[in-house]
Amino acid sequence: MEVARSWDIIQQKIMTSITPHRRDLIQVLSGYGKLILMISALSFGAATDLNASSEEDVKTVAALDTKYQAAVKSNDAATMAQILADDFVLVTGRGKVFSKADLIESARKKEVTYERQDEEPGTQKVRVWGDTAVVTALLWIKAVQGGKPADYKLWFSDTYVRTPAGWRYVFDQASVPLPKAESK
């Protein structure tokens, strides 16, 4: 009882030493504090809902990467543009670097005519770490570019990042074409 009375006296002294203007400010700020806390809680809940399970992410990214490979094969620049991040970068095994604009322009001009541009069945592996996913697979390319035929396989690692608009393809590292004996 004595402690409660002492506490009441202390609170009273504190509140009377604060000017009415400051008291109003404290009440407003504490209201904003509640609002911020509520927004944070809702954001956390929404973020949790947006972060699908890793298994769902694996399936989503695997399908997206397969869709991207099909878009390349058919020179579907619109689908490629939708999947690629604006700051996308491709680094080939020979060290050449290509941007999103480079790939989209090549598809629009149909610089390569593909007979095959397919991941070898059973080679695709998707690994997800939070909002980042990496796809590795063996890709078989059979095409004509600049009048010259090409038929080879290579390994690639495609990196995807989850954005508010969904998964976007941000980086690709491709190996050099494999020797024929190793690509079977």
N, C-alpha and C. Protein backbone atom coordinates (compact mmCIF):
# COMPACT_ATOMS: atom_id res chain seq x y z
N MET A 1 0.83 -1.18 0.00
CA MET A 1 0.00 0.00 0.00
C MET A 1 0.87 1.25 0.00
N GLU A 2 1.90 1.23 0.82
CA GLU A 2 2.83 2.36 0.94
C GLU A 2 3.58 2.58 -0.38
N VAL A 3 3.97 1.49 -1.04
CA VAL A 3 4.70 1.58 -2.31
C VAL A 3 3.80 2.17 -3.39
N ALA A 4 2.56 1.71 -3.45
CA ALA A 4 1.61 2.21 -4.45
C ALA A 4 1.38 3.70 -4.28
N ARG A 5 1.26 4.15 -3.02
CA ARG A 5 1.03 5.57 -2.76
C ARG A 5 2.27 6.37 -3.18
N SER A 6 3.46 5.85 -2.90
CA SER A 6 4.69 6.53 -3.29
C SER A 6 4.78 6.66 -4.80
N TRP A 7 4.40 5.58 -5.49
CA TRP A 7 4.43 5.59 -6.95
C TRP A 7 3.46 6.63 -7.51
N ASP A 8 2.27 6.74 -6.93
CA ASP A 8 1.30 7.73 -7.37
C ASP A 8 1.84 9.14 -7.19
N ILE A 9 2.51 9.38 -6.08
CA ILE A 9 3.08 10.70 -5.80
C ILE A 9 4.17 11.03 -6.82
N ILE A 10 5.01 10.03 -7.11
CA ILE A 10 6.10 10.25 -8.09
C ILE A 10 5.50 10.58 -9.46
N GLN A 11 4.50 9.81 -9.91
CA GLN A 11 3.86 10.07 -11.20
C GLN A 11 3.25 11.46 -11.24
N GLN A 12 2.61 11.85 -10.14
CA GLN A 12 1.97 13.16 -10.07
C GLN A 12 3.01 14.26 -10.21
N LYS A 13 4.14 14.12 -9.51
CA LYS A 13 5.20 15.13 -9.58
C LYS A 13 5.77 15.22 -10.99
N ILE A 14 5.95 14.06 -11.60
CA ILE A 14 6.49 14.07 -12.97
C ILE A 14 5.52 14.76 -13.90
N MET A 15 4.24 14.40 -13.84
CA MET A 15 3.25 14.96 -14.75
C MET A 15 3.03 16.45 -14.51
N THR A 16 3.14 16.92 -13.27
CA THR A 16 2.95 18.36 -13.01
C THR A 16 4.18 19.15 -13.40
N SER A 17 5.37 18.49 -13.44
CA SER A 17 6.56 19.21 -13.84
C SER A 17 6.64 19.36 -15.36
N ILE A 18 5.83 18.60 -16.08
CA ILE A 18 5.81 18.69 -17.54
C ILE A 18 4.75 19.70 -17.93
N THR A 19 5.12 20.57 -18.85
CA THR A 19 4.17 21.59 -19.30
C THR A 19 3.03 20.92 -20.06
N PRO A 20 1.87 21.56 -20.12
CA PRO A 20 0.74 20.98 -20.86
C PRO A 20 1.10 20.67 -22.31
N HIS A 21 1.91 21.53 -22.92
CA HIS A 21 2.33 21.30 -24.31
C HIS A 21 3.12 20.01 -24.42
N ARG A 22 4.08 19.80 -23.52
CA ARG A 22 4.90 18.59 -23.54
C ARG A 22 4.05 17.36 -23.22
N ARG A 23 3.10 17.50 -22.32
CA ARG A 23 2.23 16.38 -21.97
C ARG A 23 1.42 15.94 -23.20
N ASP A 24 0.89 16.92 -23.95
CA ASP A 24 0.15 16.60 -25.18
C ASP A 24 1.07 15.91 -26.20
N LEU A 25 2.29 16.41 -26.31
CA LEU A 25 3.26 15.83 -27.23
C LEU A 25 3.57 14.38 -26.85
N ILE A 26 3.76 14.11 -25.57
CA ILE A 26 4.03 12.75 -25.10
C ILE A 26 2.85 11.84 -25.44
N GLN A 27 1.64 12.32 -25.23
CA GLN A 27 0.47 11.50 -25.53
C GLN A 27 0.37 11.23 -27.04
N VAL A 28 0.64 12.23 -27.87
CA VAL A 28 0.61 12.06 -29.32
C VAL A 28 1.68 11.06 -29.75
N LEU A 29 2.90 11.23 -29.20
CA LEU A 29 4.00 10.33 -29.56
C LEU A 29 3.71 8.90 -29.12
N SER A 30 3.10 8.76 -27.95
CA SER A 30 2.79 7.40 -27.51
C SER A 30 1.72 6.80 -28.42
N GLY A 31 0.83 7.64 -28.96
CA GLY A 31 -0.16 7.16 -29.94
C GLY A 31 0.52 6.72 -31.22
N TYR A 32 1.52 7.51 -31.67
CA TYR A 32 2.29 7.13 -32.85
C TYR A 32 3.08 5.86 -32.58
N GLY A 33 3.58 5.73 -31.40
CA GLY A 33 4.32 4.51 -31.02
C GLY A 33 3.43 3.29 -31.17
N LYS A 34 2.17 3.41 -30.73
CA LYS A 34 1.23 2.30 -30.88
C LYS A 34 0.97 2.02 -32.36
N LEU A 35 0.83 3.10 -33.15
CA LEU A 35 0.59 2.95 -34.58
C LEU A 35 1.78 2.26 -35.25
N ILE A 36 2.98 2.70 -34.91
CA ILE A 36 4.19 2.09 -35.48
C ILE A 36 4.28 0.62 -35.09
N LEU A 37 3.98 0.33 -33.84
CA LEU A 37 4.01 -1.05 -33.38
C LEU A 37 2.98 -1.89 -34.14
N MET A 38 1.79 -1.34 -34.35
CA MET A 38 0.75 -2.06 -35.07
C MET A 38 1.16 -2.29 -36.53
N ILE A 39 1.71 -1.26 -37.17
CA ILE A 39 2.16 -1.40 -38.57
C ILE A 39 3.26 -2.44 -38.66
N SER A 40 4.19 -2.42 -37.70
CA SER A 40 5.27 -3.40 -37.70
C SER A 40 4.72 -4.81 -37.56
N ALA A 41 3.77 -4.98 -36.67
CA ALA A 41 3.19 -6.31 -36.46
C ALA A 41 2.47 -6.78 -37.72
N LEU A 42 1.72 -5.87 -38.36
CA LEU A 42 1.03 -6.24 -39.59
C LEU A 42 2.01 -6.54 -40.71
N SER A 43 3.08 -5.75 -40.80
CA SER A 43 4.10 -5.97 -41.83
C SER A 43 4.76 -7.32 -41.62
N PHE A 44 5.06 -7.64 -40.40
CA PHE A 44 5.69 -8.92 -40.10
C PHE A 44 4.76 -10.05 -40.52
N GLY A 45 3.50 -9.91 -40.22
CA GLY A 45 2.52 -10.93 -40.60
C GLY A 45 2.42 -11.04 -42.11
N ALA A 46 2.39 -9.90 -42.79
CA ALA A 46 2.30 -9.92 -44.25
C ALA A 46 3.57 -10.50 -44.86
N ALA A 47 4.72 -10.13 -44.30
CA ALA A 47 5.98 -10.66 -44.82
C ALA A 47 6.04 -12.17 -44.62
N THR A 48 5.53 -12.63 -43.52
CA THR A 48 5.52 -14.06 -43.27
C THR A 48 4.64 -14.76 -44.32
N ASP A 49 3.50 -14.16 -44.66
CA ASP A 49 2.63 -14.75 -45.67
C ASP A 49 3.29 -14.71 -47.05
N LEU A 50 4.03 -13.61 -47.34
CA LEU A 50 4.68 -13.49 -48.63
C LEU A 50 5.83 -14.48 -48.77
N ASN A 51 6.49 -14.80 -47.67
CA ASN A 51 7.59 -15.74 -47.72
C ASN A 51 7.04 -17.16 -47.72
N ALA A 52 6.80 -17.64 -48.90
CA ALA A 52 6.25 -18.98 -49.03
C ALA A 52 7.25 -19.98 -48.50
N SER A 53 6.78 -21.18 -48.29
CA SER A 53 7.67 -22.20 -47.79
C SER A 53 8.77 -22.45 -48.80
N SER A 54 9.88 -22.95 -48.33
CA SER A 54 11.02 -23.22 -49.20
C SER A 54 10.63 -24.19 -50.31
N GLU A 55 9.81 -25.17 -49.98
CA GLU A 55 9.36 -26.15 -50.99
C GLU A 55 8.56 -25.47 -52.10
N GLU A 56 7.68 -24.55 -51.73
CA GLU A 56 6.91 -23.80 -52.72
C GLU A 56 7.83 -22.93 -53.57
N ASP A 57 8.80 -22.29 -52.90
CA ASP A 57 9.76 -21.45 -53.61
C ASP A 57 10.55 -22.26 -54.62
N VAL A 58 10.98 -23.45 -54.22
CA VAL A 58 11.75 -24.32 -55.13
C VAL A 58 10.92 -24.60 -56.38
N LYS A 59 9.66 -24.97 -56.19
CA LYS A 59 8.79 -25.27 -57.33
C LYS A 59 8.57 -24.04 -58.21
N THR A 60 8.34 -22.90 -57.57
CA THR A 60 8.09 -21.66 -58.31
C THR A 60 9.30 -21.26 -59.15
N VAL A 61 10.48 -21.27 -58.53
CA VAL A 61 11.69 -20.85 -59.23
C VAL A 61 12.05 -21.86 -60.32
N ALA A 62 11.89 -23.16 -60.05
CA ALA A 62 12.17 -24.19 -61.06
C ALA A 62 11.30 -23.96 -62.30
N ALA A 63 10.02 -23.73 -62.08
CA ALA A 63 9.09 -23.50 -63.19
C ALA A 63 9.44 -22.20 -63.93
N LEU A 64 9.82 -21.17 -63.19
CA LEU A 64 10.18 -19.89 -63.80
C LEU A 64 11.43 -20.03 -64.66
N ASP A 65 12.40 -20.78 -64.18
CA ASP A 65 13.64 -20.97 -64.95
C ASP A 65 13.37 -21.79 -66.21
N THR A 66 12.52 -22.80 -66.10
CA THR A 66 12.14 -23.60 -67.27
C THR A 66 11.39 -22.72 -68.27
N LYS A 67 10.52 -21.86 -67.76
CA LYS A 67 9.78 -20.93 -68.62
C LYS A 67 10.75 -19.98 -69.33
N TYR A 68 11.77 -19.52 -68.60
CA TYR A 68 12.76 -18.62 -69.20
C TYR A 68 13.51 -19.33 -70.33
N GLN A 69 13.94 -20.56 -70.09
CA GLN A 69 14.69 -21.31 -71.12
C GLN A 69 13.82 -21.48 -72.37
N ALA A 70 12.53 -21.77 -72.18
CA ALA A 70 11.61 -21.90 -73.32
C ALA A 70 11.45 -20.58 -74.06
N ALA A 71 11.43 -19.47 -73.32
CA ALA A 71 11.31 -18.15 -73.95
C ALA A 71 12.55 -17.85 -74.80
N VAL A 72 13.72 -18.22 -74.30
CA VAL A 72 14.95 -18.02 -75.09
C VAL A 72 14.86 -18.85 -76.37
N LYS A 73 14.46 -20.11 -76.22
CA LYS A 73 14.38 -21.04 -77.36
C LYS A 73 13.48 -20.49 -78.46
N SER A 74 12.38 -19.84 -78.09
CA SER A 74 11.44 -19.31 -79.09
C SER A 74 11.65 -17.82 -79.38
N ASN A 75 12.74 -17.26 -78.86
CA ASN A 75 13.03 -15.83 -79.04
C ASN A 75 11.86 -14.96 -78.59
N ASP A 76 11.26 -15.33 -77.46
CA ASP A 76 10.11 -14.61 -76.89
C ASP A 76 10.64 -13.49 -75.98
N ALA A 77 10.93 -12.36 -76.61
CA ALA A 77 11.53 -11.23 -75.89
C ALA A 77 10.63 -10.70 -74.78
N ALA A 78 9.32 -10.73 -74.99
CA ALA A 78 8.39 -10.20 -73.98
C ALA A 78 8.45 -11.02 -72.69
N THR A 79 8.45 -12.35 -72.81
CA THR A 79 8.52 -13.19 -71.62
C THR A 79 9.89 -13.06 -70.96
N MET A 80 10.94 -13.00 -71.75
CA MET A 80 12.28 -12.81 -71.20
C MET A 80 12.35 -11.51 -70.40
N ALA A 81 11.81 -10.44 -70.96
CA ALA A 81 11.83 -9.13 -70.30
C ALA A 81 11.07 -9.16 -68.99
N GLN A 82 10.00 -9.94 -68.95
CA GLN A 82 9.18 -10.04 -67.74
C GLN A 82 9.93 -10.76 -66.62
N ILE A 83 10.73 -11.75 -66.96
CA ILE A 83 11.43 -12.57 -65.96
C ILE A 83 12.75 -11.94 -65.53
N LEU A 84 13.45 -11.32 -66.45
CA LEU A 84 14.77 -10.74 -66.15
C LEU A 84 14.64 -9.46 -65.32
N ALA A 85 15.51 -9.33 -64.32
CA ALA A 85 15.60 -8.07 -63.56
C ALA A 85 16.22 -7.01 -64.46
N ASP A 86 15.92 -5.76 -64.20
CA ASP A 86 16.46 -4.69 -65.03
C ASP A 86 17.98 -4.64 -65.00
N ASP A 87 18.59 -5.04 -63.87
CA ASP A 87 20.05 -5.01 -63.75
C ASP A 87 20.68 -6.39 -63.96
N PHE A 88 19.98 -7.26 -64.66
CA PHE A 88 20.45 -8.62 -64.94
C PHE A 88 21.83 -8.60 -65.60
N VAL A 89 22.64 -9.61 -65.26
CA VAL A 89 23.96 -9.78 -65.87
C VAL A 89 24.18 -11.25 -66.16
N LEU A 90 24.68 -11.55 -67.37
CA LEU A 90 25.10 -12.89 -67.76
C LEU A 90 26.60 -12.84 -67.99
N VAL A 91 27.32 -13.78 -67.38
CA VAL A 91 28.76 -13.91 -67.61
C VAL A 91 28.98 -15.30 -68.19
N THR A 92 29.52 -15.35 -69.42
CA THR A 92 29.75 -16.63 -70.07
C THR A 92 31.05 -17.25 -69.57
N GLY A 93 31.25 -18.50 -69.92
CA GLY A 93 32.48 -19.20 -69.54
C GLY A 93 33.72 -18.61 -70.18
N ARG A 94 33.53 -17.86 -71.23
CA ARG A 94 34.67 -17.21 -71.90
C ARG A 94 34.86 -15.77 -71.42
N GLY A 95 34.04 -15.36 -70.45
CA GLY A 95 34.21 -14.04 -69.84
C GLY A 95 33.43 -12.92 -70.49
N LYS A 96 32.62 -13.22 -71.49
CA LYS A 96 31.79 -12.17 -72.09
C LYS A 96 30.66 -11.84 -71.14
N VAL A 97 30.27 -10.57 -71.09
CA VAL A 97 29.22 -10.09 -70.19
C VAL A 97 28.08 -9.52 -71.04
N PHE A 98 26.86 -9.94 -70.68
CA PHE A 98 25.68 -9.47 -71.38
C PHE A 98 24.68 -8.91 -70.37
N SER A 99 23.94 -7.89 -70.79
CA SER A 99 22.91 -7.29 -69.94
C SER A 99 21.53 -7.77 -70.40
N LYS A 100 20.52 -7.37 -69.66
CA LYS A 100 19.14 -7.66 -70.05
C LYS A 100 18.87 -7.10 -71.44
N ALA A 101 19.27 -5.87 -71.67
CA ALA A 101 19.03 -5.22 -72.97
C ALA A 101 19.69 -6.01 -74.10
N ASP A 102 20.90 -6.52 -73.87
CA ASP A 102 21.59 -7.32 -74.89
C ASP A 102 20.78 -8.56 -75.26
N LEU A 103 20.30 -9.28 -74.26
CA LEU A 103 19.56 -10.51 -74.51
C LEU A 103 18.21 -10.24 -75.18
N ILE A 104 17.54 -9.20 -74.74
CA ILE A 104 16.23 -8.85 -75.32
C ILE A 104 16.41 -8.45 -76.78
N GLU A 105 17.42 -7.65 -77.07
CA GLU A 105 17.69 -7.21 -78.44
C GLU A 105 18.01 -8.40 -79.34
N SER A 106 18.83 -9.33 -78.84
CA SER A 106 19.18 -10.53 -79.61
C SER A 106 17.93 -11.36 -79.92
N ALA A 107 17.04 -11.50 -78.95
CA ALA A 107 15.81 -12.26 -79.16
C ALA A 107 14.91 -11.55 -80.18
N ARG A 108 14.80 -10.24 -80.08
CA ARG A 108 13.95 -9.49 -81.02
C ARG A 108 14.46 -9.62 -82.46
N LYS A 109 15.78 -9.60 -82.60
CA LYS A 109 16.39 -9.71 -83.93
C LYS A 109 16.46 -11.16 -84.40
N LYS A 110 16.14 -12.10 -83.50
CA LYS A 110 16.22 -13.54 -83.80
C LYS A 110 17.61 -13.89 -84.32
N GLU A 111 18.63 -13.40 -83.60
CA GLU A 111 20.02 -13.65 -83.99
C GLU A 111 20.40 -15.12 -83.90
N VAL A 112 19.68 -15.87 -83.06
CA VAL A 112 19.93 -17.30 -82.92
C VAL A 112 18.62 -18.03 -83.19
N THR A 113 18.72 -19.08 -83.99
CA THR A 113 17.56 -19.94 -84.23
C THR A 113 17.84 -21.25 -83.51
N TYR A 114 17.00 -21.54 -82.52
CA TYR A 114 17.23 -22.71 -81.67
C TYR A 114 16.42 -23.91 -82.14
N GLU A 115 17.10 -25.05 -82.20
CA GLU A 115 16.41 -26.32 -82.33
C GLU A 115 16.22 -26.88 -80.92
N ARG A 116 17.26 -26.68 -80.10
CA ARG A 116 17.20 -27.10 -78.68
C ARG A 116 17.77 -25.96 -77.82
N GLN A 117 17.15 -25.79 -76.68
CA GLN A 117 17.60 -24.85 -75.65
C GLN A 117 16.93 -25.37 -74.39
N ASP A 118 17.34 -26.57 -74.00
CA ASP A 118 16.60 -27.30 -72.97
C ASP A 118 17.53 -27.81 -71.87
N GLU A 119 17.01 -27.73 -70.66
CA GLU A 119 17.72 -28.34 -69.54
C GLU A 119 17.63 -29.85 -69.70
N GLU A 120 18.74 -30.53 -69.48
CA GLU A 120 18.73 -31.99 -69.54
C GLU A 120 17.87 -32.51 -68.39
N PRO A 121 16.96 -33.42 -68.68
CA PRO A 121 16.07 -33.94 -67.64
C PRO A 121 16.86 -34.50 -66.44
N GLY A 122 16.38 -34.13 -65.26
CA GLY A 122 16.99 -34.63 -64.02
C GLY A 122 18.21 -33.87 -63.54
N THR A 123 18.65 -32.86 -64.29
CA THR A 123 19.85 -32.12 -63.86
C THR A 123 19.54 -30.84 -63.11
N GLN A 124 18.31 -30.35 -63.22
CA GLN A 124 17.98 -29.08 -62.56
C GLN A 124 17.93 -29.25 -61.04
N LYS A 125 18.64 -28.38 -60.36
CA LYS A 125 18.64 -28.36 -58.89
C LYS A 125 18.40 -26.91 -58.45
N VAL A 126 17.40 -26.72 -57.58
CA VAL A 126 17.09 -25.37 -57.08
C VAL A 126 17.39 -25.33 -55.60
N ARG A 127 18.15 -24.34 -55.18
CA ARG A 127 18.46 -24.13 -53.77
C ARG A 127 17.94 -22.75 -53.39
N VAL A 128 17.24 -22.68 -52.25
CA VAL A 128 16.65 -21.41 -51.82
C VAL A 128 17.21 -21.03 -50.46
N TRP A 129 17.63 -19.78 -50.34
CA TRP A 129 18.09 -19.19 -49.08
C TRP A 129 17.31 -17.90 -48.89
N GLY A 130 16.21 -17.97 -48.17
CA GLY A 130 15.39 -16.77 -47.93
C GLY A 130 14.83 -16.22 -49.22
N ASP A 131 15.29 -15.03 -49.60
CA ASP A 131 14.79 -14.36 -50.80
C ASP A 131 15.71 -14.52 -52.00
N THR A 132 16.62 -15.49 -51.93
CA THR A 132 17.55 -15.76 -53.02
C THR A 132 17.46 -17.23 -53.38
N ALA A 133 17.46 -17.51 -54.67
CA ALA A 133 17.43 -18.89 -55.14
C ALA A 133 18.46 -19.05 -56.26
N VAL A 134 19.11 -20.21 -56.28
CA VAL A 134 20.07 -20.51 -57.33
C VAL A 134 19.64 -21.80 -58.02
N VAL A 135 19.57 -21.73 -59.34
CA VAL A 135 19.22 -22.89 -60.15
C VAL A 135 20.48 -23.34 -60.89
N THR A 136 20.81 -24.62 -60.80
CA THR A 136 21.90 -25.17 -61.61
C THR A 136 21.31 -26.27 -62.47
N ALA A 137 21.82 -26.39 -63.68
CA ALA A 137 21.36 -27.44 -64.59
C ALA A 137 22.32 -27.56 -65.75
N LEU A 138 22.23 -28.70 -66.41
CA LEU A 138 22.97 -28.93 -67.64
C LEU A 138 22.05 -28.53 -68.79
N LEU A 139 22.51 -27.64 -69.63
CA LEU A 139 21.70 -27.11 -70.73
C LEU A 139 22.25 -27.63 -72.06
N TRP A 140 21.36 -28.14 -72.90
CA TRP A 140 21.74 -28.59 -74.23
C TRP A 140 21.27 -27.54 -75.22
N ILE A 141 22.22 -27.00 -75.96
CA ILE A 141 21.93 -25.98 -76.96
C ILE A 141 22.27 -26.53 -78.34
N LYS A 142 21.31 -26.50 -79.22
CA LYS A 142 21.52 -26.86 -80.62
C LYS A 142 20.87 -25.75 -81.41
N ALA A 143 21.68 -24.99 -82.14
CA ALA A 143 21.17 -23.77 -82.77
C ALA A 143 22.01 -23.37 -83.96
N VAL A 144 21.54 -22.34 -84.63
CA VAL A 144 22.28 -21.70 -85.71
C VAL A 144 22.41 -20.23 -85.34
N GLN A 145 23.66 -19.75 -85.30
CA GLN A 145 23.91 -18.35 -84.98
C GLN A 145 24.88 -17.78 -86.01
N GLY A 146 24.46 -16.71 -86.66
CA GLY A 146 25.32 -16.12 -87.68
C GLY A 146 25.64 -17.09 -88.80
N GLY A 147 24.68 -17.96 -89.12
CA GLY A 147 24.88 -18.93 -90.19
C GLY A 147 25.72 -20.14 -89.78
N LYS A 148 26.18 -20.17 -88.55
CA LYS A 148 27.03 -21.27 -88.09
C LYS A 148 26.24 -22.17 -87.13
N PRO A 149 26.28 -23.49 -87.35
CA PRO A 149 25.58 -24.39 -86.45
C PRO A 149 26.37 -24.57 -85.14
N ALA A 150 25.64 -24.79 -84.09
CA ALA A 150 26.26 -25.05 -82.78
C ALA A 150 25.47 -26.18 -82.12
N ASP A 151 26.19 -27.09 -81.48
CA ASP A 151 25.56 -28.20 -80.78
C ASP A 151 26.46 -28.54 -79.60
N TYR A 152 26.06 -28.09 -78.41
CA TYR A 152 26.89 -28.32 -77.23
C TYR A 152 26.05 -28.29 -75.96
N LYS A 153 26.68 -28.71 -74.88
CA LYS A 153 26.06 -28.65 -73.56
C LYS A 153 26.95 -27.82 -72.66
N LEU A 154 26.32 -27.17 -71.70
CA LEU A 154 27.05 -26.38 -70.72
C LEU A 154 26.29 -26.40 -69.40
N TRP A 155 27.01 -26.14 -68.33
CA TRP A 155 26.38 -26.00 -67.02
C TRP A 155 26.12 -24.52 -66.78
N PHE A 156 25.05 -24.22 -66.11
CA PHE A 156 24.78 -22.83 -65.73
C PHE A 156 24.32 -22.76 -64.29
N SER A 157 24.49 -21.59 -63.72
CA SER A 157 23.95 -21.25 -62.40
C SER A 157 23.17 -19.96 -62.56
N ASP A 158 21.86 -20.04 -62.40
CA ASP A 158 20.97 -18.88 -62.52
C ASP A 158 20.57 -18.43 -61.13
N THR A 159 20.70 -17.15 -60.85
CA THR A 159 20.35 -16.61 -59.54
C THR A 159 19.08 -15.78 -59.66
N TYR A 160 18.12 -16.09 -58.79
CA TYR A 160 16.84 -15.38 -58.73
C TYR A 160 16.73 -14.71 -57.36
N VAL A 161 16.05 -13.55 -57.33
CA VAL A 161 15.81 -12.83 -56.09
C VAL A 161 14.32 -12.52 -55.99
N ARG A 162 13.77 -12.72 -54.79
CA ARG A 162 12.36 -12.40 -54.56
C ARG A 162 12.22 -10.88 -54.43
N THR A 163 11.30 -10.32 -55.19
CA THR A 163 11.02 -8.88 -55.14
C THR A 163 9.54 -8.72 -54.81
N PRO A 164 9.09 -7.51 -54.53
CA PRO A 164 7.65 -7.30 -54.29
C PRO A 164 6.80 -7.74 -55.49
N ALA A 165 7.39 -7.75 -56.69
CA ALA A 165 6.67 -8.16 -57.90
C ALA A 165 6.83 -9.64 -58.20
N GLY A 166 7.51 -10.38 -57.32
CA GLY A 166 7.74 -11.81 -57.56
C GLY A 166 9.22 -12.09 -57.80
N TRP A 167 9.53 -13.34 -58.12
CA TRP A 167 10.91 -13.73 -58.37
C TRP A 167 11.41 -13.12 -59.67
N ARG A 168 12.65 -12.59 -59.64
CA ARG A 168 13.28 -12.03 -60.83
C ARG A 168 14.66 -12.66 -60.99
N TYR A 169 15.01 -12.90 -62.24
CA TYR A 169 16.27 -13.51 -62.64
C TYR A 169 17.32 -12.40 -62.69
N VAL A 170 18.34 -12.46 -61.82
CA VAL A 170 19.28 -11.35 -61.68
C VAL A 170 20.68 -11.64 -62.21
N PHE A 171 21.08 -12.92 -62.21
CA PHE A 171 22.46 -13.22 -62.59
C PHE A 171 22.56 -14.63 -63.17
N ASP A 172 23.40 -14.78 -64.20
CA ASP A 172 23.65 -16.08 -64.80
C ASP A 172 25.15 -16.23 -65.01
N GLN A 173 25.65 -17.36 -64.60
CA GLN A 173 27.04 -17.73 -64.86
C GLN A 173 26.99 -19.02 -65.66
N ALA A 174 27.50 -19.01 -66.88
CA ALA A 174 27.48 -20.19 -67.74
C ALA A 174 28.90 -20.70 -67.93
N SER A 175 29.04 -22.02 -68.00
CA SER A 175 30.35 -22.61 -68.23
C SER A 175 30.71 -22.50 -69.71
N VAL A 176 31.93 -22.85 -70.05
CA VAL A 176 32.29 -23.00 -71.46
C VAL A 176 31.58 -24.26 -71.95
N PRO A 177 31.37 -24.38 -73.24
CA PRO A 177 30.77 -25.63 -73.76
C PRO A 177 31.62 -26.83 -73.32
N LEU A 178 30.93 -27.87 -72.90
CA LEU A 178 31.64 -29.07 -72.44
C LEU A 178 32.15 -29.87 -73.62
N PRO A 179 33.28 -30.54 -73.44
CA PRO A 179 33.72 -31.46 -74.50
C PRO A 179 32.64 -32.52 -74.73
N LYS A 180 32.51 -32.98 -75.95
CA LYS A 180 31.44 -33.93 -76.29
C LYS A 180 31.43 -35.15 -75.38
N ALA A 181 32.56 -35.70 -75.01
CA ALA A 181 32.62 -36.89 -74.17
C ALA A 181 32.04 -36.64 -72.77
N GLU A 182 32.21 -35.42 -72.24
CA GLU A 182 31.73 -35.09 -70.88
C GLU A 182 30.27 -34.64 -70.85
N SER A 183 29.69 -34.34 -71.99
CA SER A 183 28.35 -33.74 -72.00
C SER A 183 27.23 -34.77 -72.16
N LYS A 184 27.57 -36.04 -72.10
CA LYS A 184 26.53 -37.07 -72.24
C LYS A 184 25.95 -37.47 -70.93
